[in-house]
Amino acid sequence: MDKKIDENNIDARVKTYQIDNDGIVHLKNGIKLELSQCKLIPPGEHKYVNVVMMFSLENMMNPLTKCPNCNSTIPWDRPILLMDNNQFVYPCEDCTWVWDPQTFNMVKFRRELQ
């Protein structure tokens, strides 16, 4: 990898409890990153996907109310990521990354922006 590119990338396995509700990743060494600027690797794949936008559960047509992995309640203000592979990603506070392929409610989202 190009040295300049390598200096701008941090290879980290981020645990979901390291992410606050504002979408800031708090790494163990004190570095803070914006989750919306990170790349993630979907389960079972080897290529990174980019974040298209970050929003909250209220903008989903069928919002997740419980984590499908651990059944904990998902707070409304927890960040949700829309990825460039058309999947949603949710960092559960109690367990792991949740990848969900449902439709984004763009109509509701546009109304809220106005």
PDB file of N, CA and C in Angstrom:
ATOM      1  N   MET A   1       0.844  -1.185   0.000  1.00  0.00           N
ATOM      2  CA  MET A   1       0.000   0.000   0.000  1.00  0.00           C
ATOM      3  C   MET A   1       0.883   1.241   0.000  1.00  0.00           C
ATOM      4  N   ASP A   2       0.474   2.281  -0.694  1.00  0.00           N
ATOM      5  CA  ASP A   2       1.170   3.548  -0.749  1.00  0.00           C
ATOM      6  C   ASP A   2       1.331   4.109   0.665  1.00  0.00           C
ATOM      7  N   LYS A   3       2.532   4.596   1.009  1.00  0.00           N
ATOM      8  CA  LYS A   3       2.797   5.069   2.370  1.00  0.00           C
ATOM      9  C   LYS A   3       1.868   6.210   2.760  1.00  0.00           C
ATOM     10  N   LYS A   4       1.616   7.161   1.853  1.00  0.00           N
ATOM     11  CA  LYS A   4       0.732   8.289   2.159  1.00  0.00           C
ATOM     12  C   LYS A   4      -0.692   7.794   2.443  1.00  0.00           C
ATOM     13  N   ILE A   5      -1.200   6.876   1.643  1.00  0.00           N
ATOM     14  CA  ILE A   5      -2.528   6.316   1.860  1.00  0.00           C
ATOM     15  C   ILE A   5      -2.556   5.566   3.185  1.00  0.00           C
ATOM     16  N   ASP A   6      -1.503   4.800   3.467  1.00  0.00           N
ATOM     17  CA  ASP A   6      -1.427   4.028   4.689  1.00  0.00           C
ATOM     18  C   ASP A   6      -1.474   4.927   5.922  1.00  0.00           C
ATOM     19  N   GLU A   7      -0.846   6.104   5.875  1.00  0.00           N
ATOM     20  CA  GLU A   7      -0.850   7.031   7.004  1.00  0.00           C
ATOM     21  C   GLU A   7      -2.250   7.586   7.272  1.00  0.00           C
ATOM     22  N   ASN A   8      -3.117   7.610   6.286  1.00  0.00           N
ATOM     23  CA  ASN A   8      -4.462   8.160   6.445  1.00  0.00           C
ATOM     24  C   ASN A   8      -5.498   7.105   6.813  1.00  0.00           C
ATOM     25  N   ASN A   9      -5.088   5.865   6.944  1.00  0.00           N
ATOM     26  CA  ASN A   9      -6.015   4.784   7.270  1.00  0.00           C
ATOM     27  C   ASN A   9      -5.645   4.149   8.597  1.00  0.00           C
ATOM     28  N   ILE A  10      -6.658   3.822   9.361  1.00  0.00           N
ATOM     29  CA  ILE A  10      -6.461   3.110  10.614  1.00  0.00           C
ATOM     30  C   ILE A  10      -7.167   1.782  10.475  1.00  0.00           C
ATOM     31  N   ASP A  11      -6.414   0.702  10.588  1.00  0.00           N
ATOM     32  CA  ASP A  11      -7.005  -0.625  10.528  1.00  0.00           C
ATOM     33  C   ASP A  11      -7.382  -1.005  11.955  1.00  0.00           C
ATOM     34  N   ALA A  12      -8.669  -0.963  12.266  1.00  0.00           N
ATOM     35  CA  ALA A  12      -9.105  -1.230  13.629  1.00  0.00           C
ATOM     36  C   ALA A  12     -10.344  -2.105  13.627  1.00  0.00           C
ATOM     37  N   ARG A  13     -10.397  -2.971  14.575  1.00  0.00           N
ATOM     38  CA  ARG A  13     -11.605  -3.753  14.806  1.00  0.00           C
ATOM     39  C   ARG A  13     -12.376  -3.004  15.884  1.00  0.00           C
ATOM     40  N   VAL A  14     -13.345  -2.228  15.454  1.00  0.00           N
ATOM     41  CA  VAL A  14     -14.103  -1.384  16.368  1.00  0.00           C
ATOM     42  C   VAL A  14     -15.238  -2.187  16.977  1.00  0.00           C
ATOM     43  N   LYS A  15     -15.291  -2.185  18.293  1.00  0.00           N
ATOM     44  CA  LYS A  15     -16.398  -2.811  19.010  1.00  0.00           C
ATOM     45  C   LYS A  15     -17.532  -1.797  19.090  1.00  0.00           C
ATOM     46  N   THR A  16     -18.744  -2.285  19.047  1.00  0.00           N
ATOM     47  CA  THR A  16     -19.897  -1.374  18.980  1.00  0.00           C
ATOM     48  C   THR A  16     -20.052  -0.510  20.219  1.00  0.00           C
ATOM     49  N   TYR A  17     -19.566  -0.960  21.369  1.00  0.00           N
ATOM     50  CA  TYR A  17     -19.655  -0.134  22.575  1.00  0.00           C
ATOM     51  C   TYR A  17     -18.709   1.066  22.516  1.00  0.00           C
ATOM     52  N   GLN A  18     -17.782   1.089  21.544  1.00  0.00           N
ATOM     53  CA  GLN A  18     -16.864   2.213  21.375  1.00  0.00           C
ATOM     54  C   GLN A  18     -17.501   3.359  20.576  1.00  0.00           C
ATOM     55  N   ILE A  19     -18.763   3.204  20.172  1.00  0.00           N
ATOM     56  CA  ILE A  19     -19.451   4.218  19.361  1.00  0.00           C
ATOM     57  C   ILE A  19     -20.511   4.891  20.206  1.00  0.00           C
ATOM     58  N   ASP A  20     -20.459   6.224  20.254  1.00  0.00           N
ATOM     59  CA  ASP A  20     -21.487   6.932  21.012  1.00  0.00           C
ATOM     60  C   ASP A  20     -22.686   7.253  20.120  1.00  0.00           C
ATOM     61  N   ASN A  21     -23.736   7.831  20.686  1.00  0.00           N
ATOM     62  CA  ASN A  21     -24.963   8.096  19.933  1.00  0.00           C
ATOM     63  C   ASN A  21     -24.823   9.231  18.929  1.00  0.00           C
ATOM     64  N   ASP A  22     -23.714   9.964  18.978  1.00  0.00           N
ATOM     65  CA  ASP A  22     -23.437  11.001  17.975  1.00  0.00           C
ATOM     66  C   ASP A  22     -22.644  10.454  16.795  1.00  0.00           C
ATOM     67  N   GLY A  23     -22.354   9.152  16.817  1.00  0.00           N
ATOM     68  CA  GLY A  23     -21.626   8.540  15.714  1.00  0.00           C
ATOM     69  C   GLY A  23     -20.123   8.752  15.785  1.00  0.00           C
ATOM     70  N   ILE A  24     -19.602   8.956  16.987  1.00  0.00           N
ATOM     71  CA  ILE A  24     -18.162   9.114  17.168  1.00  0.00           C
ATOM     72  C   ILE A  24     -17.592   7.793  17.683  1.00  0.00           C
ATOM     73  N   VAL A  25     -16.524   7.334  17.026  1.00  0.00           N
ATOM     74  CA  VAL A  25     -15.830   6.114  17.430  1.00  0.00           C
ATOM     75  C   VAL A  25     -14.707   6.527  18.375  1.00  0.00           C
ATOM     76  N   HIS A  26     -14.683   5.928  19.559  1.00  0.00           N
ATOM     77  CA  HIS A  26     -13.659   6.213  20.563  1.00  0.00           C
ATOM     78  C   HIS A  26     -12.702   5.019  20.625  1.00  0.00           C
ATOM     79  N   LEU A  27     -11.530   5.175  19.980  1.00  0.00           N
ATOM     80  CA  LEU A  27     -10.540   4.102  19.984  1.00  0.00           C
ATOM     81  C   LEU A  27      -9.800   4.079  21.322  1.00  0.00           C
ATOM     82  N   LYS A  28      -9.226   2.935  21.660  1.00  0.00           N
ATOM     83  CA  LYS A  28      -8.563   2.752  22.952  1.00  0.00           C
ATOM     84  C   LYS A  28      -7.395   3.704  23.167  1.00  0.00           C
ATOM     85  N   ASN A  29      -6.737   4.116  22.096  1.00  0.00           N
ATOM     86  CA  ASN A  29      -5.571   4.997  22.222  1.00  0.00           C
ATOM     87  C   ASN A  29      -5.954   6.478  22.310  1.00  0.00           C
ATOM     88  N   GLY A  30      -7.259   6.768  22.457  1.00  0.00           N
ATOM     89  CA  GLY A  30      -7.716   8.148  22.599  1.00  0.00           C
ATOM     90  C   GLY A  30      -8.105   8.814  21.292  1.00  0.00           C
ATOM     91  N   ILE A  31      -7.837   8.189  20.166  1.00  0.00           N
ATOM     92  CA  ILE A  31      -8.219   8.750  18.872  1.00  0.00           C
ATOM     93  C   ILE A  31      -9.727   8.656  18.706  1.00  0.00           C
ATOM     94  N   LYS A  32     -10.315   9.725  18.161  1.00  0.00           N
ATOM     95  CA  LYS A  32     -11.754   9.747  17.874  1.00  0.00           C
ATOM     96  C   LYS A  32     -11.956   9.868  16.371  1.00  0.00           C
ATOM     97  N   LEU A  33     -12.874   9.079  15.838  1.00  0.00           N
ATOM     98  CA  LEU A  33     -13.189   9.093  14.408  1.00  0.00           C
ATOM     99  C   LEU A  33     -14.684   9.291  14.231  1.00  0.00           C
ATOM    100  N   GLU A  34     -15.055   9.920  13.133  1.00  0.00           N
ATOM    101  CA  GLU A  34     -16.475  10.002  12.795  1.00  0.00           C
ATOM    102  C   GLU A  34     -16.872   8.707  12.105  1.00  0.00           C
ATOM    103  N   LEU A  35     -17.900   8.051  12.638  1.00  0.00           N
ATOM    104  CA  LEU A  35     -18.353   6.786  12.077  1.00  0.00           C
ATOM    105  C   LEU A  35     -18.740   6.939  10.609  1.00  0.00           C
ATOM    106  N   SER A  36     -19.293   8.089  10.244  1.00  0.00           N
ATOM    107  CA  SER A  36     -19.722   8.306   8.859  1.00  0.00           C
ATOM    108  C   SER A  36     -18.554   8.360   7.880  1.00  0.00           C
ATOM    109  N   GLN A  37     -17.344   8.510   8.384  1.00  0.00           N
ATOM    110  CA  GLN A  37     -16.160   8.552   7.522  1.00  0.00           C
ATOM    111  C   GLN A  37     -15.414   7.213   7.480  1.00  0.00           C
ATOM    112  N   CYS A  38     -15.948   6.214   8.173  1.00  0.00           N
ATOM    113  CA  CYS A  38     -15.298   4.897   8.232  1.00  0.00           C
ATOM    114  C   CYS A  38     -15.796   3.981   7.123  1.00  0.00           C
ATOM    115  N   LYS A  39     -15.005   2.973   6.815  1.00  0.00           N
ATOM    116  CA  LYS A  39     -15.399   1.917   5.885  1.00  0.00           C
ATOM    117  C   LYS A  39     -15.576   0.647   6.699  1.00  0.00           C
ATOM    118  N   LEU A  40     -16.534  -0.173   6.294  1.00  0.00           N
ATOM    119  CA  LEU A  40     -16.801  -1.418   7.000  1.00  0.00           C
ATOM    120  C   LEU A  40     -16.765  -2.592   6.031  1.00  0.00           C
ATOM    121  N   ILE A  41     -16.536  -3.766   6.551  1.00  0.00           N
ATOM    122  CA  ILE A  41     -16.570  -4.983   5.743  1.00  0.00           C
ATOM    123  C   ILE A  41     -17.791  -5.787   6.164  1.00  0.00           C
ATOM    124  N   PRO A  42     -18.734  -6.017   5.229  1.00  0.00           N
ATOM    125  CA  PRO A  42     -19.918  -6.818   5.561  1.00  0.00           C
ATOM    126  C   PRO A  42     -19.540  -8.250   5.936  1.00  0.00           C
ATOM    127  N   PRO A  43     -20.379  -8.901   6.733  1.00  0.00           N
ATOM    128  CA  PRO A  43     -20.090 -10.280   7.120  1.00  0.00           C
ATOM    129  C   PRO A  43     -19.969 -11.204   5.901  1.00  0.00           C
ATOM    130  N   GLY A  44     -18.984 -12.061   5.917  1.00  0.00           N
ATOM    131  CA  GLY A  44     -18.783 -13.021   4.837  1.00  0.00           C
ATOM    132  C   GLY A  44     -18.171 -12.437   3.583  1.00  0.00           C
ATOM    133  N   GLU A  45     -17.775 -11.169   3.610  1.00  0.00           N
ATOM    134  CA  GLU A  45     -17.171 -10.522   2.439  1.00  0.00           C
ATOM    135  C   GLU A  45     -15.762 -10.059   2.778  1.00  0.00           C
ATOM    136  N   HIS A  46     -15.043  -9.603   1.752  1.00  0.00           N
ATOM    137  CA  HIS A  46     -13.668  -9.172   1.957  1.00  0.00           C
ATOM    138  C   HIS A  46     -13.420  -7.751   1.447  1.00  0.00           C
ATOM    139  N   LYS A  47     -14.457  -7.115   0.879  1.00  0.00           N
ATOM    140  CA  LYS A  47     -14.318  -5.761   0.352  1.00  0.00           C
ATOM    141  C   LYS A  47     -14.963  -4.759   1.301  1.00  0.00           C
ATOM    142  N   TYR A  48     -14.311  -3.603   1.426  1.00  0.00           N
ATOM    143  CA  TYR A  48     -14.867  -2.528   2.230  1.00  0.00           C
ATOM    144  C   TYR A  48     -16.058  -1.895   1.523  1.00  0.00           C
ATOM    145  N   VAL A  49     -17.028  -1.413   2.309  1.00  0.00           N
ATOM    146  CA  VAL A  49     -18.121  -0.610   1.775  1.00  0.00           C
ATOM    147  C   VAL A  49     -18.107   0.730   2.501  1.00  0.00           C
ATOM    148  N   ASN A  50     -18.533   1.771   1.793  1.00  0.00           N
ATOM    149  CA  ASN A  50     -18.530   3.133   2.327  1.00  0.00           C
ATOM    150  C   ASN A  50     -19.886   3.504   2.917  1.00  0.00           C
ATOM    151  N   VAL A  51     -19.840   4.414   3.852  1.00  0.00           N
ATOM    152  CA  VAL A  51     -21.062   4.971   4.433  1.00  0.00           C
ATOM    153  C   VAL A  51     -21.611   6.020   3.470  1.00  0.00           C
ATOM    154  N   VAL A  52     -22.899   5.907   3.133  1.00  0.00           N
ATOM    155  CA  VAL A  52     -23.556   6.915   2.295  1.00  0.00           C
ATOM    156  C   VAL A  52     -24.116   8.015   3.195  1.00  0.00           C
ATOM    157  N   MET A  53     -24.787   7.600   4.280  1.00  0.00           N
ATOM    158  CA  MET A  53     -25.294   8.574   5.244  1.00  0.00           C
ATOM    159  C   MET A  53     -25.516   7.909   6.588  1.00  0.00           C
ATOM    160  N   MET A  54     -25.567   8.758   7.616  1.00  0.00           N
ATOM    161  CA  MET A  54     -25.838   8.293   8.959  1.00  0.00           C
ATOM    162  C   MET A  54     -27.111   8.989   9.441  1.00  0.00           C
ATOM    163  N   PHE A  55     -27.995   8.259  10.095  1.00  0.00           N
ATOM    164  CA  PHE A  55     -29.266   8.808  10.573  1.00  0.00           C
ATOM    165  C   PHE A  55     -29.720   7.997  11.773  1.00  0.00           C
ATOM    166  N   SER A  56     -30.943   8.231  12.239  1.00  0.00           N
ATOM    167  CA  SER A  56     -31.459   7.477  13.390  1.00  0.00           C
ATOM    168  C   SER A  56     -32.597   6.561  12.959  1.00  0.00           C
ATOM    169  N   LEU A  57     -33.033   5.704  13.855  1.00  0.00           N
ATOM    170  CA  LEU A  57     -34.055   4.693  13.562  1.00  0.00           C
ATOM    171  C   LEU A  57     -35.367   5.262  13.044  1.00  0.00           C
ATOM    172  N   GLU A  58     -35.730   6.458  13.472  1.00  0.00           N
ATOM    173  CA  GLU A  58     -37.022   7.013  13.068  1.00  0.00           C
ATOM    174  C   GLU A  58     -37.148   7.200  11.561  1.00  0.00           C
ATOM    175  N   ASN A  59     -36.046   7.162  10.822  1.00  0.00           N
ATOM    176  CA  ASN A  59     -36.081   7.319   9.370  1.00  0.00           C
ATOM    177  C   ASN A  59     -36.207   6.004   8.611  1.00  0.00           C
ATOM    178  N   MET A  60     -36.368   4.915   9.313  1.00  0.00           N
ATOM    179  CA  MET A  60     -36.526   3.620   8.659  1.00  0.00           C
ATOM    180  C   MET A  60     -38.002   3.276   8.534  1.00  0.00           C
ATOM    181  N   MET A  61     -38.391   2.677   7.409  1.00  0.00           N
ATOM    182  CA  MET A  61     -39.799   2.308   7.197  1.00  0.00           C
ATOM    183  C   MET A  61     -40.251   1.288   8.240  1.00  0.00           C
ATOM    184  N   ASN A  62     -39.443   0.308   8.508  1.00  0.00           N
ATOM    185  CA  ASN A  62     -39.744  -0.713   9.512  1.00  0.00           C
ATOM    186  C   ASN A  62     -38.590  -0.739  10.501  1.00  0.00           C
ATOM    187  N   PRO A  63     -38.587   0.241  11.412  1.00  0.00           N
ATOM    188  CA  PRO A  63     -37.429   0.334  12.299  1.00  0.00           C
ATOM    189  C   PRO A  63     -37.247  -0.909  13.161  1.00  0.00           C
ATOM    190  N   LEU A  64     -36.004  -1.246  13.366  1.00  0.00           N
ATOM    191  CA  LEU A  64     -35.672  -2.328  14.279  1.00  0.00           C
ATOM    192  C   LEU A  64     -35.952  -1.830  15.689  1.00  0.00           C
ATOM    193  N   THR A  65     -36.639  -2.597  16.490  1.00  0.00           N
ATOM    194  CA  THR A  65     -36.859  -2.195  17.874  1.00  0.00           C
ATOM    195  C   THR A  65     -36.030  -3.034  18.832  1.00  0.00           C
ATOM    196  N   LYS A  66     -35.696  -4.230  18.389  1.00  0.00           N
ATOM    197  CA  LYS A  66     -34.859  -5.136  19.184  1.00  0.00           C
ATOM    198  C   LYS A  66     -33.708  -5.624  18.322  1.00  0.00           C
ATOM    199  N   CYS A  67     -32.559  -5.759  18.927  1.00  0.00           N
ATOM    200  CA  CYS A  67     -31.418  -6.312  18.214  1.00  0.00           C
ATOM    201  C   CYS A  67     -31.719  -7.771  17.882  1.00  0.00           C
ATOM    202  N   PRO A  68     -31.575  -8.168  16.618  1.00  0.00           N
ATOM    203  CA  PRO A  68     -31.858  -9.557  16.256  1.00  0.00           C
ATOM    204  C   PRO A  68     -30.859 -10.557  16.836  1.00  0.00           C
ATOM    205  N   ASN A  69     -29.730 -10.074  17.318  1.00  0.00           N
ATOM    206  CA  ASN A  69     -28.716 -10.964  17.884  1.00  0.00           C
ATOM    207  C   ASN A  69     -28.889 -11.196  19.384  1.00  0.00           C
ATOM    208  N   CYS A  70     -29.131 -10.109  20.152  1.00  0.00           N
ATOM    209  CA  CYS A  70     -29.173 -10.229  21.613  1.00  0.00           C
ATOM    210  C   CYS A  70     -30.516  -9.835  22.220  1.00  0.00           C
ATOM    211  N   ASN A  71     -31.439  -9.339  21.389  1.00  0.00           N
ATOM    212  CA  ASN A  71     -32.791  -8.959  21.808  1.00  0.00           C
ATOM    213  C   ASN A  71     -32.840  -7.725  22.709  1.00  0.00           C
ATOM    214  N   SER A  72     -31.757  -6.944  22.796  1.00  0.00           N
ATOM    215  CA  SER A  72     -31.799  -5.716  23.586  1.00  0.00           C
ATOM    216  C   SER A  72     -32.551  -4.638  22.801  1.00  0.00           C
ATOM    217  N   THR A  73     -33.173  -3.708  23.506  1.00  0.00           N
ATOM    218  CA  THR A  73     -33.918  -2.620  22.877  1.00  0.00           C
ATOM    219  C   THR A  73     -32.943  -1.659  22.205  1.00  0.00           C
ATOM    220  N   ILE A  74     -33.285  -1.225  21.005  1.00  0.00           N
ATOM    221  CA  ILE A  74     -32.448  -0.299  20.261  1.00  0.00           C
ATOM    222  C   ILE A  74     -32.939   1.132  20.524  1.00  0.00           C
ATOM    223  N   PRO A  75     -32.099   1.994  21.088  1.00  0.00           N
ATOM    224  CA  PRO A  75     -32.510   3.385  21.333  1.00  0.00           C
ATOM    225  C   PRO A  75     -32.764   4.135  20.023  1.00  0.00           C
ATOM    226  N   TRP A  76     -33.758   5.019  20.030  1.00  0.00           N
ATOM    227  CA  TRP A  76     -34.109   5.785  18.826  1.00  0.00           C
ATOM    228  C   TRP A  76     -32.990   6.684  18.351  1.00  0.00           C
ATOM    229  N   ASP A  77     -32.112   7.110  19.245  1.00  0.00           N
ATOM    230  CA  ASP A  77     -31.051   8.031  18.849  1.00  0.00           C
ATOM    231  C   ASP A  77     -29.739   7.333  18.505  1.00  0.00           C
ATOM    232  N   ARG A  78     -29.745   6.002  18.463  1.00  0.00           N
ATOM    233  CA  ARG A  78     -28.539   5.257  18.095  1.00  0.00           C
ATOM    234  C   ARG A  78     -28.284   5.416  16.600  1.00  0.00           C
ATOM    235  N   PRO A  79     -27.032   5.635  16.178  1.00  0.00           N
ATOM    236  CA  PRO A  79     -26.773   5.846  14.749  1.00  0.00           C
ATOM    237  C   PRO A  79     -27.023   4.598  13.904  1.00  0.00           C
ATOM    238  N   ILE A  80     -27.593   4.835  12.728  1.00  0.00           N
ATOM    239  CA  ILE A  80     -27.801   3.808  11.710  1.00  0.00           C
ATOM    240  C   ILE A  80     -27.044   4.278  10.475  1.00  0.00           C
ATOM    241  N   LEU A  81     -26.375   3.357   9.801  1.00  0.00           N
ATOM    242  CA  LEU A  81     -25.617   3.708   8.602  1.00  0.00           C
ATOM    243  C   LEU A  81     -26.260   3.091   7.378  1.00  0.00           C
ATOM    244  N   LEU A  82     -26.411   3.879   6.325  1.00  0.00           N
ATOM    245  CA  LEU A  82     -26.784   3.376   5.010  1.00  0.00           C
ATOM    246  C   LEU A  82     -25.475   3.239   4.241  1.00  0.00           C
ATOM    247  N   MET A  83     -25.177   2.015   3.809  1.00  0.00           N
ATOM    248  CA  MET A  83     -23.913   1.736   3.143  1.00  0.00           C
ATOM    249  C   MET A  83     -24.079   1.755   1.627  1.00  0.00           C
ATOM    250  N   ASP A  84     -22.987   1.882   0.896  1.00  0.00           N
ATOM    251  CA  ASP A  84     -23.074   1.944  -0.567  1.00  0.00           C
ATOM    252  C   ASP A  84     -23.419   0.604  -1.205  1.00  0.00           C
ATOM    253  N   ASN A  85     -23.550  -0.454  -0.423  1.00  0.00           N
ATOM    254  CA  ASN A  85     -24.027  -1.731  -0.948  1.00  0.00           C
ATOM    255  C   ASN A  85     -25.521  -1.911  -0.659  1.00  0.00           C
ATOM    256  N   ASN A  86     -26.204  -0.813  -0.293  1.00  0.00           N
ATOM    257  CA  ASN A  86     -27.644  -0.762  -0.009  1.00  0.00           C
ATOM    258  C   ASN A  86     -28.052  -1.529   1.240  1.00  0.00           C
ATOM    259  N   GLN A  87     -27.141  -1.740   2.151  1.00  0.00           N
ATOM    260  CA  GLN A  87     -27.469  -2.363   3.425  1.00  0.00           C
ATOM    261  C   GLN A  87     -27.400  -1.326   4.534  1.00  0.00           C
ATOM    262  N   PHE A  88     -28.181  -1.562   5.578  1.00  0.00           N
ATOM    263  CA  PHE A  88     -28.109  -0.744   6.772  1.00  0.00           C
ATOM    264  C   PHE A  88     -27.231  -1.462   7.783  1.00  0.00           C
ATOM    265  N   VAL A  89     -26.513  -0.684   8.577  1.00  0.00           N
ATOM    266  CA  VAL A  89     -25.682  -1.240   9.633  1.00  0.00           C
ATOM    267  C   VAL A  89     -26.009  -0.500  10.925  1.00  0.00           C
ATOM    268  N   TYR A  90     -26.197  -1.288  11.979  1.00  0.00           N
ATOM    269  CA  TYR A  90     -26.500  -0.750  13.286  1.00  0.00           C
ATOM    270  C   TYR A  90     -25.467  -1.252  14.287  1.00  0.00           C
ATOM    271  N   PRO A  91     -24.814  -0.347  15.043  1.00  0.00           N
ATOM    272  CA  PRO A  91     -23.881  -0.804  16.076  1.00  0.00           C
ATOM    273  C   PRO A  91     -24.630  -1.037  17.390  1.00  0.00           C
ATOM    274  N   CYS A  92     -25.015  -2.271  17.666  1.00  0.00           N
ATOM    275  CA  CYS A  92     -25.728  -2.596  18.904  1.00  0.00           C
ATOM    276  C   CYS A  92     -24.835  -2.261  20.094  1.00  0.00           C
ATOM    277  N   GLU A  93     -25.396  -1.617  21.096  1.00  0.00           N
ATOM    278  CA  GLU A  93     -24.608  -1.250  22.276  1.00  0.00           C
ATOM    279  C   GLU A  93     -24.176  -2.467  23.080  1.00  0.00           C
ATOM    280  N   ASP A  94     -24.918  -3.564  22.969  1.00  0.00           N
ATOM    281  CA  ASP A  94     -24.681  -4.714  23.828  1.00  0.00           C
ATOM    282  C   ASP A  94     -23.965  -5.892  23.178  1.00  0.00           C
ATOM    283  N   CYS A  95     -23.917  -5.943  21.834  1.00  0.00           N
ATOM    284  CA  CYS A  95     -23.294  -7.148  21.259  1.00  0.00           C
ATOM    285  C   CYS A  95     -22.402  -6.856  20.062  1.00  0.00           C
ATOM    286  N   THR A  96     -22.957  -6.687  18.874  1.00  0.00           N
ATOM    287  CA  THR A  96     -22.134  -6.672  17.669  1.00  0.00           C
ATOM    288  C   THR A  96     -22.753  -5.760  16.605  1.00  0.00           C
ATOM    289  N   TRP A  97     -22.153  -5.763  15.416  1.00  0.00           N
ATOM    290  CA  TRP A  97     -22.692  -5.024  14.270  1.00  0.00           C
ATOM    291  C   TRP A  97     -23.868  -5.799  13.684  1.00  0.00           C
ATOM    292  N   VAL A  98     -24.955  -5.097  13.396  1.00  0.00           N
ATOM    293  CA  VAL A  98     -26.140  -5.723  12.808  1.00  0.00           C
ATOM    294  C   VAL A  98     -26.290  -5.174  11.394  1.00  0.00           C
ATOM    295  N   TRP A  99     -26.291  -6.057  10.403  1.00  0.00           N
ATOM    296  CA  TRP A  99     -26.465  -5.687   9.000  1.00  0.00           C
ATOM    297  C   TRP A  99     -27.892  -6.011   8.610  1.00  0.00           C
ATOM    298  N   ASP A 100     -28.637  -5.017   8.071  1.00  0.00           N
ATOM    299  CA  ASP A 100     -30.059  -5.197   7.781  1.00  0.00           C
ATOM    300  C   ASP A 100     -30.381  -4.668   6.379  1.00  0.00           C
ATOM    301  N   PRO A 101     -30.881  -5.506   5.469  1.00  0.00           N
ATOM    302  CA  PRO A 101     -31.175  -5.081   4.092  1.00  0.00           C
ATOM    303  C   PRO A 101     -32.625  -4.616   3.909  1.00  0.00           C
ATOM    304  N   GLN A 102     -33.049  -3.520   4.545  1.00  0.00           N
ATOM    305  CA  GLN A 102     -34.411  -3.038   4.335  1.00  0.00           C
ATOM    306  C   GLN A 102     -34.418  -1.680   3.641  1.00  0.00           C
ATOM    307  N   THR A 103     -35.579  -1.233   3.230  1.00  0.00           N
ATOM    308  CA  THR A 103     -35.727  -0.015   2.433  1.00  0.00           C
ATOM    309  C   THR A 103     -35.636   1.241   3.290  1.00  0.00           C
ATOM    310  N   PHE A 104     -34.922   2.234   2.783  1.00  0.00           N
ATOM    311  CA  PHE A 104     -34.794   3.532   3.450  1.00  0.00           C
ATOM    312  C   PHE A 104     -36.014   4.388   3.145  1.00  0.00           C
ATOM    313  N   ASN A 105     -36.588   5.050   4.148  1.00  0.00           N
ATOM    314  CA  ASN A 105     -37.769   5.888   3.989  1.00  0.00           C
ATOM    315  C   ASN A 105     -37.362   7.304   3.565  1.00  0.00           C
ATOM    316  N   MET A 106     -37.052   7.470   2.282  1.00  0.00           N
ATOM    317  CA  MET A 106     -36.564   8.747   1.768  1.00  0.00           C
ATOM    318  C   MET A 106     -37.624   9.835   1.844  1.00  0.00           C
ATOM    319  N   VAL A 107     -38.906   9.505   1.659  1.00  0.00           N
ATOM    320  CA  VAL A 107     -39.986  10.503   1.722  1.00  0.00           C
ATOM    321  C   VAL A 107     -40.014  11.150   3.092  1.00  0.00           C
ATOM    322  N   LYS A 108     -40.031  10.351   4.146  1.00  0.00           N
ATOM    323  CA  LYS A 108     -40.045  10.878   5.503  1.00  0.00           C
ATOM    324  C   LYS A 108     -38.774  11.655   5.782  1.00  0.00           C
ATOM    325  N   PHE A 109     -37.658  11.156   5.335  1.00  0.00           N
ATOM    326  CA  PHE A 109     -36.378  11.817   5.569  1.00  0.00           C
ATOM    327  C   PHE A 109     -36.361  13.210   4.919  1.00  0.00           C
ATOM    328  N   ARG A 110     -36.856  13.324   3.680  1.00  0.00           N
ATOM    329  CA  ARG A 110     -36.888  14.629   2.993  1.00  0.00           C
ATOM    330  C   ARG A 110     -37.796  15.613   3.718  1.00  0.00           C
ATOM    331  N   ARG A 111     -38.959  15.146   4.214  1.00  0.00           N
ATOM    332  CA  ARG A 111     -39.880  16.029   4.949  1.00  0.00           C
ATOM    333  C   ARG A 111     -39.203  16.601   6.177  1.00  0.00           C
ATOM    334  N   GLU A 112     -38.426  15.786   6.870  1.00  0.00           N
ATOM    335  CA  GLU A 112     -37.759  16.248   8.080  1.00  0.00           C
ATOM    336  C   GLU A 112     -36.636  17.231   7.793  1.00  0.00           C
ATOM    337  N   LEU A 113     -36.060  17.178   6.617  1.00  0.00           N
ATOM    338  CA  LEU A 113     -34.995  18.117   6.252  1.00  0.00           C
ATOM    339  C   LEU A 113     -35.532  19.502   5.920  1.00  0.00           C
ATOM    340  N   GLN A 114     -36.794  19.582   5.562  1.00  0.00           N
ATOM    341  CA  GLN A 114     -37.362  20.871   5.136  1.00  0.00           C
ATOM    342  C   GLN A 114     -37.762  21.725   6.309  1.00  0.00           C
TER     343      GLN A 114
END
